[in-house]
N, C-alpha and C. Protein backbone atom coordinates (compact mmCIF):
# COMPACT_ATOMS: atom_id res chain seq x y z
N MET A 1 -2.19 26.13 78.27
CA MET A 1 -3.33 25.92 77.38
C MET A 1 -3.90 27.26 76.88
N ASP A 2 -3.95 28.24 77.80
CA ASP A 2 -4.44 29.56 77.40
C ASP A 2 -3.58 30.16 76.30
N ASN A 3 -2.28 30.00 76.44
CA ASN A 3 -1.35 30.53 75.45
C ASN A 3 -1.58 29.89 74.09
N LEU A 4 -1.83 28.58 74.10
CA LEU A 4 -2.08 27.87 72.85
C LEU A 4 -3.36 28.37 72.19
N ASN A 5 -4.39 28.58 73.00
CA ASN A 5 -5.65 29.10 72.47
C ASN A 5 -5.47 30.50 71.88
N GLN A 6 -4.68 31.31 72.54
CA GLN A 6 -4.42 32.66 72.04
C GLN A 6 -3.67 32.61 70.71
N GLN A 7 -2.72 31.70 70.61
CA GLN A 7 -1.98 31.56 69.35
C GLN A 7 -2.91 31.10 68.22
N ILE A 8 -3.77 30.15 68.54
CA ILE A 8 -4.72 29.66 67.53
C ILE A 8 -5.66 30.78 67.11
N GLN A 9 -6.16 31.53 68.08
CA GLN A 9 -7.07 32.64 67.76
C GLN A 9 -6.37 33.70 66.92
N SER A 10 -5.12 33.98 67.23
CA SER A 10 -4.37 34.96 66.45
C SER A 10 -4.18 34.49 65.01
N LYS A 11 -3.83 33.22 64.86
CA LYS A 11 -3.65 32.68 63.51
C LYS A 11 -4.96 32.69 62.73
N LEU A 12 -6.04 32.35 63.41
CA LEU A 12 -7.35 32.37 62.75
C LEU A 12 -7.74 33.79 62.36
N ALA A 13 -7.46 34.75 63.23
CA ALA A 13 -7.78 36.14 62.93
C ALA A 13 -6.99 36.62 61.71
N LEU A 14 -5.71 36.25 61.64
CA LEU A 14 -4.91 36.62 60.48
C LEU A 14 -5.43 35.95 59.21
N GLU A 15 -5.81 34.70 59.33
CA GLU A 15 -6.34 33.97 58.17
C GLU A 15 -7.64 34.62 57.68
N ILE A 16 -8.51 34.98 58.61
CA ILE A 16 -9.77 35.64 58.25
C ILE A 16 -9.49 36.98 57.58
N ALA A 17 -8.55 37.73 58.12
CA ALA A 17 -8.20 39.03 57.52
C ALA A 17 -7.67 38.84 56.11
N GLN A 18 -6.81 37.84 55.91
CA GLN A 18 -6.26 37.59 54.58
C GLN A 18 -7.35 37.16 53.61
N LEU A 19 -8.26 36.30 54.06
CA LEU A 19 -9.35 35.86 53.19
C LEU A 19 -10.29 37.02 52.85
N SER A 20 -10.50 37.91 53.80
CA SER A 20 -11.34 39.09 53.53
C SER A 20 -10.69 39.98 52.49
N LEU A 21 -9.38 40.15 52.61
CA LEU A 21 -8.64 40.94 51.62
C LEU A 21 -8.69 40.28 50.25
N ASP A 22 -8.49 38.97 50.22
CA ASP A 22 -8.57 38.23 48.95
C ASP A 22 -9.95 38.39 48.32
N LYS A 23 -10.99 38.30 49.13
CA LYS A 23 -12.36 38.43 48.63
C LYS A 23 -12.59 39.82 48.05
N ALA A 24 -12.14 40.84 48.75
CA ALA A 24 -12.31 42.21 48.27
C ALA A 24 -11.55 42.43 46.96
N THR A 25 -10.35 41.86 46.88
CA THR A 25 -9.56 41.97 45.65
C THR A 25 -10.27 41.30 44.49
N LEU A 26 -10.79 40.11 44.73
CA LEU A 26 -11.49 39.38 43.67
C LEU A 26 -12.78 40.10 43.25
N GLN A 27 -13.48 40.68 44.22
CA GLN A 27 -14.69 41.43 43.89
C GLN A 27 -14.36 42.63 43.01
N ALA A 28 -13.27 43.31 43.32
CA ALA A 28 -12.85 44.46 42.51
C ALA A 28 -12.46 44.00 41.11
N GLN A 29 -11.79 42.86 41.00
CA GLN A 29 -11.42 42.34 39.69
C GLN A 29 -12.65 41.96 38.88
N VAL A 30 -13.65 41.37 39.54
CA VAL A 30 -14.90 41.01 38.87
C VAL A 30 -15.57 42.26 38.32
N GLU A 31 -15.64 43.31 39.13
CA GLU A 31 -16.27 44.55 38.67
C GLU A 31 -15.52 45.14 37.48
N GLN A 32 -14.20 45.11 37.53
CA GLN A 32 -13.39 45.63 36.43
C GLN A 32 -13.63 44.81 35.16
N LEU A 33 -13.66 43.50 35.30
CA LEU A 33 -13.88 42.64 34.13
C LEU A 33 -15.29 42.80 33.57
N GLN A 34 -16.27 43.01 34.45
CA GLN A 34 -17.63 43.25 33.98
C GLN A 34 -17.71 44.54 33.17
N GLN A 35 -16.99 45.57 33.63
CA GLN A 35 -16.95 46.84 32.90
C GLN A 35 -16.29 46.66 31.54
N GLN A 36 -15.16 45.95 31.52
CA GLN A 36 -14.47 45.69 30.26
C GLN A 36 -15.36 44.89 29.32
N ASN A 37 -16.07 43.92 29.87
CA ASN A 37 -16.96 43.10 29.07
C ASN A 37 -18.07 43.95 28.45
N ALA A 38 -18.63 44.85 29.23
CA ALA A 38 -19.69 45.73 28.72
C ALA A 38 -19.15 46.62 27.60
N GLU A 39 -17.95 47.14 27.77
CA GLU A 39 -17.35 47.98 26.74
C GLU A 39 -17.08 47.19 25.46
N LEU A 40 -16.56 45.99 25.61
CA LEU A 40 -16.29 45.16 24.43
C LEU A 40 -17.58 44.72 23.75
N GLN A 41 -18.61 44.45 24.53
CA GLN A 41 -19.91 44.08 23.95
C GLN A 41 -20.46 45.25 23.13
N GLN A 42 -20.32 46.46 23.66
CA GLN A 42 -20.77 47.65 22.93
C GLN A 42 -19.99 47.81 21.63
N GLN A 43 -18.67 47.63 21.69
CA GLN A 43 -17.85 47.73 20.49
C GLN A 43 -18.25 46.68 19.46
N LEU A 44 -18.54 45.47 19.93
CA LEU A 44 -18.95 44.40 19.03
C LEU A 44 -20.27 44.73 18.35
N GLU A 45 -21.21 45.24 19.13
CA GLU A 45 -22.51 45.61 18.57
C GLU A 45 -22.36 46.72 17.53
N GLU A 46 -21.50 47.70 17.83
CA GLU A 46 -21.29 48.79 16.88
C GLU A 46 -20.59 48.29 15.62
N ALA A 47 -19.66 47.37 15.77
CA ALA A 47 -18.90 46.87 14.62
C ALA A 47 -19.74 45.98 13.73
N THR A 48 -20.72 45.30 14.30
CA THR A 48 -21.52 44.36 13.51
C THR A 48 -22.88 44.94 13.12
N ALA A 49 -23.16 46.17 13.53
CA ALA A 49 -24.44 46.79 13.18
C ALA A 49 -24.44 47.14 11.70
N PRO A 50 -25.59 46.98 11.05
CA PRO A 50 -25.66 47.36 9.63
C PRO A 50 -25.46 48.86 9.45
N GLU A 51 -24.82 49.22 8.37
CA GLU A 51 -24.55 50.64 8.09
C GLU A 51 -25.86 51.35 7.78
N GLU A 52 -26.07 52.51 8.37
CA GLU A 52 -27.29 53.28 8.13
C GLU A 52 -27.31 53.83 6.71
N THR A 53 -26.14 54.19 6.16
CA THR A 53 -26.10 54.81 4.84
C THR A 53 -26.49 53.81 3.75
N GLU A 54 -26.20 52.53 3.95
CA GLU A 54 -26.54 51.53 2.94
C GLU A 54 -28.05 51.35 2.85
N LYS A 55 -28.76 51.50 3.96
CA LYS A 55 -30.21 51.32 3.95
C LYS A 55 -30.88 52.40 3.11
N GLY A 56 -30.36 53.61 3.15
CA GLY A 56 -30.99 54.73 2.48
C GLY A 56 -30.75 54.75 0.98
N GLU A 57 -29.82 53.99 0.49
CA GLU A 57 -29.49 54.06 -0.94
C GLU A 57 -30.31 53.11 -1.76
């Protein structure tokens, strides 16, 4: 019975480690996508902003 418990604990520990790695990977991807989103939002704002030279004429 002890051996079975040890096997279960080992499998659970590996599963937890894998889930932690998956979570860290997803968090890094979220941060990267948020950065890309901010850059694209800035580009969109610049592309759709009215031209300053047209206002002065």
